[in-house]
Amino acid sequence: MQGVLTGFAVIAVVIGVGYLLGRGGHLGDQGREVLTRLAFHVASPALLFTTLAQADLSVVFSSRLLVTALSTVAVAGLFVVAGVARGWGVGRTTIGALCSGYVNSGNLGIPIAVYVLGDASLVAPVLLFQLVGVTPLAVTILDLSGEGDKGPLWRRLLTPLRNPIALGSLAGVAVAAAGLRVPSPVMDPLTLIGNMSVPAVLLAFGISLCGSTMPLRGPDRYPVLLAVALKSVGQPAVAWALAAGVFGLRGAQLLDVVVTSALPAAQNLYTYASTYGVGERLARDAILVSTVVSVPVLVGVAAVLG
């Protein structure tokens, strides 16, 4: 339980600093936009590359990854069905689907893995799946669903190779798969730049809370409620059913997959929404509410399965 509270405390402090910066206008009118662009175009691609370039790709074939993938697809698919039925639009539905199943495996998942599960590497399967599979697919859909001339078909098919988030992920996987060792003069600057990603995302999120209305109000109320329900309750329940009933996981392995599935929606989803100018309030509210709700959920999971 201490690990859960520690992880949330770290995030809350940084978001609070962002909120104070926004209230005081210390970064100017464009502060949030600059931080968002910095994270999306520079820091996050560097972080994804350095993380994946040194990762053990053997986790891709683990049963834990299959549980993560199937539970993510299940809850995201439910949101997509609702989005299509309600006419929420491709971009908005994509953001909502991400908020339903894309967990905060980095800045919250890692400390919780350390303090609750006892091993930071246990979050690697969900981290790799999201970075290699979910992120490139989602940003490609957001790119292709944007307004304006999308260009010829060949250019649209190469969209993942023009997106900095997807490019950083795919480049890191390629380096790891080839067994290459990136020289320190190259890796060290990228690591330094990548270290800006999480703080920039959290600060931008904090600034976005300034002057905003209370969550769960307005036209995004029902999409937010659905996304939070799927993320906080649906995904860990599906993960538990698959892990215990289908893959026969018990003890520490079962706790691992359920805890990682119960993590709240990741803060960088707001960066994607802000960058593409779609579903920003949906992302902001879903992240905020799922983060609050996940505290008792994670504490309960750790108490029951721990």
C-alpha atoms as a PDB file:
ATOM      1  CA  MET A   1       0.000   0.000   0.000  1.00  0.00           C
ATOM      2  CA  GLN A   2       2.928   2.319   0.679  1.00  0.00           C
ATOM      3  CA  GLY A   3       4.082   1.933  -2.926  1.00  0.00           C
ATOM      4  CA  VAL A   4       0.676   2.914  -4.270  1.00  0.00           C
ATOM      5  CA  LEU A   5       0.518   6.042  -2.129  1.00  0.00           C
ATOM      6  CA  THR A   6       4.134   6.990  -2.908  1.00  0.00           C
ATOM      7  CA  GLY A   7       3.579   6.752  -6.661  1.00  0.00           C
ATOM      8  CA  PHE A   8       0.458   8.887  -6.529  1.00  0.00           C
ATOM      9  CA  ALA A   9       2.100  11.437  -4.245  1.00  0.00           C
ATOM     10  CA  VAL A  10       4.935  12.012  -6.730  1.00  0.00           C
ATOM     11  CA  ILE A  11       2.508  12.603  -9.585  1.00  0.00           C
ATOM     12  CA  ALA A  12       0.249  14.866  -7.503  1.00  0.00           C
ATOM     13  CA  VAL A  13       3.147  17.116  -6.474  1.00  0.00           C
ATOM     14  CA  VAL A  14       4.364  17.659 -10.053  1.00  0.00           C
ATOM     15  CA  ILE A  15       0.833  18.277 -11.358  1.00  0.00           C
ATOM     16  CA  GLY A  16       0.337  20.714  -8.472  1.00  0.00           C
ATOM     17  CA  VAL A  17       3.472  22.597  -9.491  1.00  0.00           C
ATOM     18  CA  GLY A  18       2.093  22.833 -13.025  1.00  0.00           C
ATOM     19  CA  TYR A  19      -1.194  24.162 -11.696  1.00  0.00           C
ATOM     20  CA  LEU A  20       0.613  26.856  -9.684  1.00  0.00           C
ATOM     21  CA  LEU A  21       2.687  27.809 -12.728  1.00  0.00           C
ATOM     22  CA  GLY A  22      -0.510  28.175 -14.735  1.00  0.00           C
ATOM     23  CA  ARG A  23      -2.265  30.191 -12.050  1.00  0.00           C
ATOM     24  CA  GLY A  24       0.666  32.567 -11.786  1.00  0.00           C
ATOM     25  CA  GLY A  25       1.156  32.843 -15.537  1.00  0.00           C
ATOM     26  CA  HIS A  26       4.884  32.213 -15.104  1.00  0.00           C
ATOM     27  CA  LEU A  27       5.221  30.410 -18.461  1.00  0.00           C
ATOM     28  CA  GLY A  28       3.042  32.843 -20.386  1.00  0.00           C
ATOM     29  CA  ASP A  29      -0.047  32.147 -22.462  1.00  0.00           C
ATOM     30  CA  GLN A  30       1.718  29.496 -24.559  1.00  0.00           C
ATOM     31  CA  GLY A  31       3.345  27.613 -21.678  1.00  0.00           C
ATOM     32  CA  ARG A  32       1.125  24.540 -21.882  1.00  0.00           C
ATOM     33  CA  GLU A  33       1.377  24.365 -25.648  1.00  0.00           C
ATOM     34  CA  VAL A  34       5.179  24.629 -25.580  1.00  0.00           C
ATOM     35  CA  LEU A  35       5.472  21.889 -22.946  1.00  0.00           C
ATOM     36  CA  THR A  36       3.079  19.672 -24.904  1.00  0.00           C
ATOM     37  CA  ARG A  37       5.022  20.112 -28.137  1.00  0.00           C
ATOM     38  CA  LEU A  38       8.313  19.580 -26.346  1.00  0.00           C
ATOM     39  CA  ALA A  39       7.050  16.307 -24.892  1.00  0.00           C
ATOM     40  CA  PHE A  40       5.445  15.050 -28.106  1.00  0.00           C
ATOM     41  CA  HIS A  41       8.073  16.011 -30.679  1.00  0.00           C
ATOM     42  CA  VAL A  42      11.331  15.774 -28.697  1.00  0.00           C
ATOM     43  CA  ALA A  43      11.341  14.368 -25.168  1.00  0.00           C
ATOM     44  CA  SER A  44       8.885  11.457 -25.493  1.00  0.00           C
ATOM     45  CA  PRO A  45      10.454  10.026 -28.678  1.00  0.00           C
ATOM     46  CA  ALA A  46      13.858  10.179 -26.963  1.00  0.00           C
ATOM     47  CA  LEU A  47      12.474   8.461 -23.861  1.00  0.00           C
ATOM     48  CA  LEU A  48      10.789   5.735 -25.901  1.00  0.00           C
ATOM     49  CA  PHE A  49      13.932   5.087 -27.913  1.00  0.00           C
ATOM     50  CA  THR A  50      16.272   4.852 -24.922  1.00  0.00           C
ATOM     51  CA  THR A  51      13.805   2.660 -22.997  1.00  0.00           C
ATOM     52  CA  LEU A  52      13.124   0.205 -25.795  1.00  0.00           C
ATOM     53  CA  ALA A  53      16.684   0.094 -27.150  1.00  0.00           C
ATOM     54  CA  GLN A  54      17.807  -1.449 -23.850  1.00  0.00           C
ATOM     55  CA  ALA A  55      14.729  -3.615 -23.223  1.00  0.00           C
ATOM     56  CA  ASP A  56      14.542  -7.408 -23.137  1.00  0.00           C
ATOM     57  CA  LEU A  57      12.183  -8.184 -26.007  1.00  0.00           C
ATOM     58  CA  SER A  58      11.672 -11.748 -24.790  1.00  0.00           C
ATOM     59  CA  VAL A  59       8.844 -10.405 -22.618  1.00  0.00           C
ATOM     60  CA  VAL A  60       6.836  -9.972 -25.813  1.00  0.00           C
ATOM     61  CA  PHE A  61       6.193 -13.715 -25.819  1.00  0.00           C
ATOM     62  CA  SER A  62       5.155 -13.991 -22.160  1.00  0.00           C
ATOM     63  CA  SER A  63       1.688 -14.937 -20.932  1.00  0.00           C
ATOM     64  CA  ARG A  64       1.622 -11.672 -18.971  1.00  0.00           C
ATOM     65  CA  LEU A  65       1.819  -9.733 -22.211  1.00  0.00           C
ATOM     66  CA  LEU A  66      -1.054 -11.738 -23.675  1.00  0.00           C
ATOM     67  CA  VAL A  67      -3.199 -10.905 -20.646  1.00  0.00           C
ATOM     68  CA  THR A  68      -2.294  -7.224 -20.996  1.00  0.00           C
ATOM     69  CA  ALA A  69      -2.982  -7.189 -24.733  1.00  0.00           C
ATOM     70  CA  LEU A  70      -6.297  -9.017 -24.523  1.00  0.00           C
ATOM     71  CA  SER A  71      -7.619  -6.955 -21.611  1.00  0.00           C
ATOM     72  CA  THR A  72      -6.608  -3.722 -23.388  1.00  0.00           C
ATOM     73  CA  VAL A  73      -8.283  -4.767 -26.632  1.00  0.00           C
ATOM     74  CA  ALA A  74     -11.421  -5.827 -24.743  1.00  0.00           C
ATOM     75  CA  VAL A  75     -12.044  -2.545 -22.917  1.00  0.00           C
ATOM     76  CA  ALA A  76     -10.895  -0.350 -25.816  1.00  0.00           C
ATOM     77  CA  GLY A  77     -13.177  -2.316 -28.123  1.00  0.00           C
ATOM     78  CA  LEU A  78     -16.153  -1.701 -25.840  1.00  0.00           C
ATOM     79  CA  PHE A  79     -15.504   2.039 -25.923  1.00  0.00           C
ATOM     80  CA  VAL A  80     -15.160   1.972 -29.714  1.00  0.00           C
ATOM     81  CA  VAL A  81     -18.516   0.205 -30.027  1.00  0.00           C
ATOM     82  CA  ALA A  82     -20.110   2.865 -27.815  1.00  0.00           C
ATOM     83  CA  GLY A  83     -18.358   5.647 -29.747  1.00  0.00           C
ATOM     84  CA  VAL A  84     -19.611   4.359 -33.082  1.00  0.00           C
ATOM     85  CA  ALA A  85     -23.144   3.886 -31.757  1.00  0.00           C
ATOM     86  CA  ARG A  86     -23.217   7.388 -30.238  1.00  0.00           C
ATOM     87  CA  GLY A  87     -21.466   9.116 -33.145  1.00  0.00           C
ATOM     88  CA  TRP A  88     -18.573  10.514 -31.094  1.00  0.00           C
ATOM     89  CA  GLY A  89     -16.254  10.713 -34.104  1.00  0.00           C
ATOM     90  CA  VAL A  90     -13.043   8.852 -34.958  1.00  0.00           C
ATOM     91  CA  GLY A  91     -10.597  11.131 -33.139  1.00  0.00           C
ATOM     92  CA  ARG A  92     -12.675  11.499 -29.980  1.00  0.00           C
ATOM     93  CA  THR A  93     -13.442   7.774 -29.896  1.00  0.00           C
ATOM     94  CA  THR A  94      -9.745   6.968 -30.306  1.00  0.00           C
ATOM     95  CA  ILE A  95      -8.819   9.182 -27.344  1.00  0.00           C
ATOM     96  CA  GLY A  96     -11.597   7.626 -25.259  1.00  0.00           C
ATOM     97  CA  ALA A  97     -10.490   4.105 -26.171  1.00  0.00           C
ATOM     98  CA  LEU A  98      -6.946   4.979 -25.105  1.00  0.00           C
ATOM     99  CA  CYS A  99      -8.226   6.353 -21.794  1.00  0.00           C
ATOM    100  CA  SER A 100     -10.099   3.072 -21.290  1.00  0.00           C
ATOM    101  CA  GLY A 101      -7.101   0.777 -21.615  1.00  0.00           C
ATOM    102  CA  TYR A 102      -3.784   2.645 -21.846  1.00  0.00           C
ATOM    103  CA  VAL A 103      -2.301   2.464 -18.360  1.00  0.00           C
ATOM    104  CA  ASN A 104       0.186   4.762 -16.649  1.00  0.00           C
ATOM    105  CA  SER A 105       3.005   2.225 -16.836  1.00  0.00           C
ATOM    106  CA  GLY A 106       5.853   4.736 -16.680  1.00  0.00           C
ATOM    107  CA  ASN A 107       5.834   7.469 -14.075  1.00  0.00           C
ATOM    108  CA  LEU A 108       3.288   5.643 -11.877  1.00  0.00           C
ATOM    109  CA  GLY A 109       3.685   2.014 -12.952  1.00  0.00           C
ATOM    110  CA  ILE A 110       7.410   1.877 -12.259  1.00  0.00           C
ATOM    111  CA  PRO A 111       7.300   3.127  -8.641  1.00  0.00           C
ATOM    112  CA  ILE A 112       4.300   0.911  -7.884  1.00  0.00           C
ATOM    113  CA  ALA A 113       6.098  -2.071  -9.445  1.00  0.00           C
ATOM    114  CA  VAL A 114       9.046  -1.363  -7.171  1.00  0.00           C
ATOM    115  CA  TYR A 115       7.138  -0.791  -3.923  1.00  0.00           C
ATOM    116  CA  VAL A 116       4.193  -3.182  -4.405  1.00  0.00           C
ATOM    117  CA  LEU A 117       5.510  -5.914  -6.699  1.00  0.00           C
ATOM    118  CA  GLY A 118       9.158  -5.688  -5.664  1.00  0.00           C
ATOM    119  CA  ASP A 119      10.607  -5.538  -9.199  1.00  0.00           C
ATOM    120  CA  ALA A 120      10.497  -2.627 -11.646  1.00  0.00           C
ATOM    121  CA  SER A 121      10.994  -4.959 -14.626  1.00  0.00           C
ATOM    122  CA  LEU A 122       7.565  -6.533 -14.018  1.00  0.00           C
ATOM    123  CA  VAL A 123       5.951  -3.531 -15.695  1.00  0.00           C
ATOM    124  CA  ALA A 124       7.994  -4.139 -18.857  1.00  0.00           C
ATOM    125  CA  PRO A 125       5.388  -6.270 -20.712  1.00  0.00           C
ATOM    126  CA  VAL A 126       2.665  -3.628 -20.534  1.00  0.00           C
ATOM    127  CA  LEU A 127       5.187  -0.866 -21.253  1.00  0.00           C
ATOM    128  CA  LEU A 128       6.486  -2.611 -24.371  1.00  0.00           C
ATOM    129  CA  PHE A 129       3.018  -3.512 -25.620  1.00  0.00           C
ATOM    130  CA  GLN A 130       1.816   0.070 -25.308  1.00  0.00           C
ATOM    131  CA  LEU A 131       4.923   1.638 -26.817  1.00  0.00           C
ATOM    132  CA  VAL A 132       5.348  -0.817 -29.695  1.00  0.00           C
ATOM    133  CA  GLY A 133       1.761  -1.757 -30.469  1.00  0.00           C
ATOM    134  CA  VAL A 134      -0.817   0.667 -29.105  1.00  0.00           C
ATOM    135  CA  THR A 135       0.979   4.012 -29.491  1.00  0.00           C
ATOM    136  CA  PRO A 136       1.960   3.708 -33.183  1.00  0.00           C
ATOM    137  CA  LEU A 137      -1.521   2.438 -34.079  1.00  0.00           C
ATOM    138  CA  ALA A 138      -3.316   5.164 -32.126  1.00  0.00           C
ATOM    139  CA  VAL A 139      -1.258   8.079 -33.419  1.00  0.00           C
ATOM    140  CA  THR A 140      -1.606   6.747 -36.968  1.00  0.00           C
ATOM    141  CA  ILE A 141      -5.401   6.714 -36.602  1.00  0.00           C
ATOM    142  CA  LEU A 142      -5.294  10.248 -35.178  1.00  0.00           C
ATOM    143  CA  ASP A 143      -3.084  11.378 -38.053  1.00  0.00           C
ATOM    144  CA  LEU A 144      -5.312   9.844 -40.713  1.00  0.00           C
ATOM    145  CA  SER A 145      -8.535  11.099 -39.114  1.00  0.00           C
ATOM    146  CA  GLY A 146      -7.392  14.736 -39.104  1.00  0.00           C
ATOM    147  CA  GLU A 147      -9.023  17.423 -41.186  1.00  0.00           C
ATOM    148  CA  GLY A 148      -7.680  18.559 -44.536  1.00  0.00           C
ATOM    149  CA  ASP A 149      -5.889  16.906 -47.434  1.00  0.00           C
ATOM    150  CA  LYS A 150      -4.416  13.596 -46.368  1.00  0.00           C
ATOM    151  CA  GLY A 151      -2.314  13.207 -49.502  1.00  0.00           C
ATOM    152  CA  PRO A 152      -1.799  10.131 -51.674  1.00  0.00           C
ATOM    153  CA  LEU A 153      -2.280   6.586 -50.364  1.00  0.00           C
ATOM    154  CA  TRP A 154       1.447   5.776 -50.205  1.00  0.00           C
ATOM    155  CA  ARG A 155       2.043   8.803 -48.025  1.00  0.00           C
ATOM    156  CA  ARG A 156      -0.800   7.840 -45.684  1.00  0.00           C
ATOM    157  CA  LEU A 157       0.583   4.291 -45.350  1.00  0.00           C
ATOM    158  CA  LEU A 158       3.906   5.766 -44.221  1.00  0.00           C
ATOM    159  CA  THR A 159       2.243   7.846 -41.481  1.00  0.00           C
ATOM    160  CA  PRO A 160       3.850   5.859 -38.605  1.00  0.00           C
ATOM    161  CA  LEU A 161       7.289   6.635 -40.015  1.00  0.00           C
ATOM    162  CA  ARG A 162       6.542  10.378 -39.937  1.00  0.00           C
ATOM    163  CA  ASN A 163       5.222  10.514 -36.391  1.00  0.00           C
ATOM    164  CA  PRO A 164       7.890  11.217 -33.751  1.00  0.00           C
ATOM    165  CA  ILE A 165       6.264   9.030 -31.068  1.00  0.00           C
ATOM    166  CA  ALA A 166       5.896   6.038 -33.367  1.00  0.00           C
ATOM    167  CA  LEU A 167       9.322   6.602 -34.908  1.00  0.00           C
ATOM    168  CA  GLY A 168      11.047   6.658 -31.521  1.00  0.00           C
ATOM    169  CA  SER A 169       9.297   3.437 -30.472  1.00  0.00           C
ATOM    170  CA  LEU A 170      10.016   1.552 -33.678  1.00  0.00           C
ATOM    171  CA  ALA A 171      13.657   2.687 -33.761  1.00  0.00           C
ATOM    172  CA  GLY A 172      14.189   1.500 -30.190  1.00  0.00           C
ATOM    173  CA  VAL A 173      12.700  -1.918 -30.950  1.00  0.00           C
ATOM    174  CA  ALA A 174      14.872  -2.235 -34.056  1.00  0.00           C
ATOM    175  CA  VAL A 175      18.026  -1.526 -32.041  1.00  0.00           C
ATOM    176  CA  ALA A 176      17.043  -4.008 -29.319  1.00  0.00           C
ATOM    177  CA  ALA A 177      16.097  -6.712 -31.830  1.00  0.00           C
ATOM    178  CA  ALA A 178      19.425  -6.317 -33.630  1.00  0.00           C
ATOM    179  CA  GLY A 179      21.316  -6.586 -30.345  1.00  0.00           C
ATOM    180  CA  LEU A 180      23.119  -3.314 -30.962  1.00  0.00           C
ATOM    181  CA  ARG A 181      24.716  -1.228 -28.254  1.00  0.00           C
ATOM    182  CA  VAL A 182      24.254   2.489 -28.758  1.00  0.00           C
ATOM    183  CA  PRO A 183      27.500   4.364 -27.937  1.00  0.00           C
ATOM    184  CA  SER A 184      27.412   6.513 -24.814  1.00  0.00           C
ATOM    185  CA  PRO A 185      28.035   9.797 -26.712  1.00  0.00           C
ATOM    186  CA  VAL A 186      24.738   9.115 -28.511  1.00  0.00           C
ATOM    187  CA  MET A 187      22.720   7.470 -25.739  1.00  0.00           C
ATOM    188  CA  ASP A 188      23.589   9.890 -22.934  1.00  0.00           C
ATOM    189  CA  PRO A 189      22.203  13.040 -24.626  1.00  0.00           C
ATOM    190  CA  LEU A 190      19.078  11.124 -25.665  1.00  0.00           C
ATOM    191  CA  THR A 191      18.626   9.913 -22.094  1.00  0.00           C
ATOM    192  CA  LEU A 192      19.004  13.456 -20.781  1.00  0.00           C
ATOM    193  CA  ILE A 193      16.434  14.751 -23.260  1.00  0.00           C
ATOM    194  CA  GLY A 194      14.095  11.833 -22.553  1.00  0.00           C
ATOM    195  CA  ASN A 195      14.161  12.623 -18.847  1.00  0.00           C
ATOM    196  CA  MET A 196      12.186  15.794 -19.652  1.00  0.00           C
ATOM    197  CA  SER A 197       9.224  13.822 -20.977  1.00  0.00           C
ATOM    198  CA  VAL A 198       7.366  12.835 -17.802  1.00  0.00           C
ATOM    199  CA  PRO A 199       7.843  16.200 -16.001  1.00  0.00           C
ATOM    200  CA  ALA A 200       6.785  18.114 -19.124  1.00  0.00           C
ATOM    201  CA  VAL A 201       3.637  15.997 -19.532  1.00  0.00           C
ATOM    202  CA  LEU A 202       2.672  16.363 -15.854  1.00  0.00           C
ATOM    203  CA  LEU A 203       3.355  20.103 -15.782  1.00  0.00           C
ATOM    204  CA  ALA A 204       1.312  20.640 -18.960  1.00  0.00           C
ATOM    205  CA  PHE A 205      -1.502  18.605 -17.444  1.00  0.00           C
ATOM    206  CA  GLY A 206      -1.382  20.720 -14.274  1.00  0.00           C
ATOM    207  CA  ILE A 207      -1.504  23.944 -16.276  1.00  0.00           C
ATOM    208  CA  SER A 208      -4.535  22.624 -18.189  1.00  0.00           C
ATOM    209  CA  LEU A 209      -6.472  22.407 -14.912  1.00  0.00           C
ATOM    210  CA  CYS A 210      -6.319  26.181 -14.433  1.00  0.00           C
ATOM    211  CA  GLY A 211      -9.665  27.789 -15.082  1.00  0.00           C
ATOM    212  CA  SER A 212     -11.203  24.485 -16.143  1.00  0.00           C
ATOM    213  CA  THR A 213     -14.632  23.354 -15.069  1.00  0.00           C
ATOM    214  CA  MET A 214     -15.219  20.481 -12.680  1.00  0.00           C
ATOM    215  CA  PRO A 215     -14.904  17.034 -14.291  1.00  0.00           C
ATOM    216  CA  LEU A 216     -17.937  14.945 -15.248  1.00  0.00           C
ATOM    217  CA  ARG A 217     -19.826  17.945 -16.557  1.00  0.00           C
ATOM    218  CA  GLY A 218     -20.711  19.066 -20.053  1.00  0.00           C
ATOM    219  CA  PRO A 219     -20.941  17.053 -23.294  1.00  0.00           C
ATOM    220  CA  ASP A 220     -18.027  14.758 -22.380  1.00  0.00           C
ATOM    221  CA  ARG A 221     -19.637  13.524 -19.171  1.00  0.00           C
ATOM    222  CA  TYR A 222     -20.807  10.157 -20.503  1.00  0.00           C
ATOM    223  CA  PRO A 223     -17.660   9.338 -22.506  1.00  0.00           C
ATOM    224  CA  VAL A 224     -15.594  10.169 -19.410  1.00  0.00           C
ATOM    225  CA  LEU A 225     -17.753   7.995 -17.143  1.00  0.00           C
ATOM    226  CA  LEU A 226     -17.520   5.106 -19.596  1.00  0.00           C
ATOM    227  CA  ALA A 227     -13.755   5.439 -20.012  1.00  0.00           C
ATOM    228  CA  VAL A 228     -13.190   5.624 -16.231  1.00  0.00           C
ATOM    229  CA  ALA A 229     -15.448   2.625 -15.574  1.00  0.00           C
ATOM    230  CA  LEU A 230     -13.668   0.549 -18.200  1.00  0.00           C
ATOM    231  CA  LYS A 231     -10.216   1.629 -17.026  1.00  0.00           C
ATOM    232  CA  SER A 232     -10.671   1.401 -13.271  1.00  0.00           C
ATOM    233  CA  VAL A 233     -12.996  -1.603 -13.020  1.00  0.00           C
ATOM    234  CA  GLY A 234     -13.361  -3.277 -16.405  1.00  0.00           C
ATOM    235  CA  GLN A 235      -9.714  -3.741 -17.337  1.00  0.00           C
ATOM    236  CA  PRO A 236      -8.475  -5.189 -14.007  1.00  0.00           C
ATOM    237  CA  ALA A 237     -11.544  -7.472 -13.893  1.00  0.00           C
ATOM    238  CA  VAL A 238     -10.878  -8.764 -17.414  1.00  0.00           C
ATOM    239  CA  ALA A 239      -7.170  -9.170 -16.620  1.00  0.00           C
ATOM    240  CA  TRP A 240      -7.983 -11.164 -13.477  1.00  0.00           C
ATOM    241  CA  ALA A 241     -10.429 -13.423 -15.352  1.00  0.00           C
ATOM    242  CA  LEU A 242      -7.937 -14.091 -18.163  1.00  0.00           C
ATOM    243  CA  ALA A 243      -4.903 -14.529 -15.905  1.00  0.00           C
ATOM    244  CA  ALA A 244      -6.583 -16.866 -13.416  1.00  0.00           C
ATOM    245  CA  GLY A 245      -9.125 -18.621 -15.604  1.00  0.00           C
ATOM    246  CA  VAL A 246      -7.373 -18.940 -18.960  1.00  0.00           C
ATOM    247  CA  PHE A 247      -3.624 -18.791 -18.298  1.00  0.00           C
ATOM    248  CA  GLY A 248      -3.677 -20.310 -14.811  1.00  0.00           C
ATOM    249  CA  LEU A 249      -1.558 -17.605 -13.185  1.00  0.00           C
ATOM    250  CA  ARG A 250      -1.412 -17.648  -9.401  1.00  0.00           C
ATOM    251  CA  GLY A 251       0.271 -15.778  -6.564  1.00  0.00           C
ATOM    252  CA  ALA A 252       2.776 -13.096  -7.512  1.00  0.00           C
ATOM    253  CA  GLN A 253       2.179 -13.476 -11.257  1.00  0.00           C
ATOM    254  CA  LEU A 254      -1.550 -12.940 -10.845  1.00  0.00           C
ATOM    255  CA  LEU A 255      -0.961  -9.918  -8.607  1.00  0.00           C
ATOM    256  CA  ASP A 256       1.442  -8.481 -11.194  1.00  0.00           C
ATOM    257  CA  VAL A 257      -0.953  -8.492 -14.142  1.00  0.00           C
ATOM    258  CA  VAL A 258      -3.962  -7.289 -12.141  1.00  0.00           C
ATOM    259  CA  VAL A 259      -2.047  -4.433 -10.482  1.00  0.00           C
ATOM    260  CA  THR A 260      -0.642  -3.196 -13.797  1.00  0.00           C
ATOM    261  CA  SER A 261      -4.105  -3.392 -15.391  1.00  0.00           C
ATOM    262  CA  ALA A 262      -5.608  -1.395 -12.515  1.00  0.00           C
ATOM    263  CA  LEU A 263      -3.239   1.547 -13.056  1.00  0.00           C
ATOM    264  CA  PRO A 264      -5.036   4.754 -14.151  1.00  0.00           C
ATOM    265  CA  ALA A 265      -4.991   6.249 -17.624  1.00  0.00           C
ATOM    266  CA  ALA A 266      -1.591   7.635 -18.593  1.00  0.00           C
ATOM    267  CA  GLN A 267      -0.940  11.386 -18.506  1.00  0.00           C
ATOM    268  CA  ASN A 268       0.678  11.368 -21.942  1.00  0.00           C
ATOM    269  CA  LEU A 269      -2.751  10.663 -23.449  1.00  0.00           C
ATOM    270  CA  TYR A 270      -3.564  14.307 -22.784  1.00  0.00           C
ATOM    271  CA  THR A 271      -0.481  15.204 -24.810  1.00  0.00           C
ATOM    272  CA  TYR A 272      -1.827  13.230 -27.769  1.00  0.00           C
ATOM    273  CA  ALA A 273      -5.271  14.808 -27.442  1.00  0.00           C
ATOM    274  CA  SER A 274      -3.796  18.300 -27.173  1.00  0.00           C
ATOM    275  CA  THR A 275      -1.400  17.773 -30.069  1.00  0.00           C
ATOM    276  CA  TYR A 276      -4.166  16.610 -32.401  1.00  0.00           C
ATOM    277  CA  GLY A 277      -6.745  19.045 -31.013  1.00  0.00           C
ATOM    278  CA  VAL A 278      -9.369  16.389 -30.332  1.00  0.00           C
ATOM    279  CA  GLY A 279     -10.929  15.059 -27.120  1.00  0.00           C
ATOM    280  CA  GLU A 280      -8.812  17.277 -24.859  1.00  0.00           C
ATOM    281  CA  ARG A 281     -11.428  17.625 -22.129  1.00  0.00           C
ATOM    282  CA  LEU A 282     -12.295  13.942 -22.411  1.00  0.00           C
ATOM    283  CA  ALA A 283      -8.647  12.998 -21.916  1.00  0.00           C
ATOM    284  CA  ARG A 284      -8.062  15.478 -19.091  1.00  0.00           C
ATOM    285  CA  ASP A 285     -11.139  14.448 -17.105  1.00  0.00           C
ATOM    286  CA  ALA A 286     -10.700  10.714 -17.690  1.00  0.00           C
ATOM    287  CA  ILE A 287      -7.063  10.857 -16.547  1.00  0.00           C
ATOM    288  CA  LEU A 288      -7.906  12.910 -13.483  1.00  0.00           C
ATOM    289  CA  VAL A 289     -10.911  10.838 -12.361  1.00  0.00           C
ATOM    290  CA  SER A 290      -9.313   7.449 -13.124  1.00  0.00           C
ATOM    291  CA  THR A 291      -6.238   8.483 -11.139  1.00  0.00           C
ATOM    292  CA  VAL A 292      -8.367   9.314  -8.096  1.00  0.00           C
ATOM    293  CA  VAL A 293     -10.506   6.166  -8.424  1.00  0.00           C
ATOM    294  CA  SER A 294      -7.497   3.894  -8.935  1.00  0.00           C
ATOM    295  CA  VAL A 295      -6.139   4.608  -5.446  1.00  0.00           C
ATOM    296  CA  PRO A 296      -8.759   2.520  -3.589  1.00  0.00           C
ATOM    297  CA  VAL A 297      -8.807  -0.018  -6.437  1.00  0.00           C
ATOM    298  CA  LEU A 298      -5.051  -0.607  -6.252  1.00  0.00           C
ATOM    299  CA  VAL A 299      -5.082  -0.730  -2.472  1.00  0.00           C
ATOM    300  CA  GLY A 300      -7.891  -3.299  -2.614  1.00  0.00           C
ATOM    301  CA  VAL A 301      -6.149  -5.422  -5.232  1.00  0.00           C
ATOM    302  CA  ALA A 302      -2.890  -5.401  -3.262  1.00  0.00           C
ATOM    303  CA  ALA A 303      -4.781  -6.369  -0.085  1.00  0.00           C
ATOM    304  CA  VAL A 304      -6.745  -9.227  -1.681  1.00  0.00           C
ATOM    305  CA  LEU A 305      -4.104 -10.747  -3.955  1.00  0.00           C
ATOM    306  CA  GLY A 306      -0.940  -9.673  -2.139  1.00  0.00           C
END
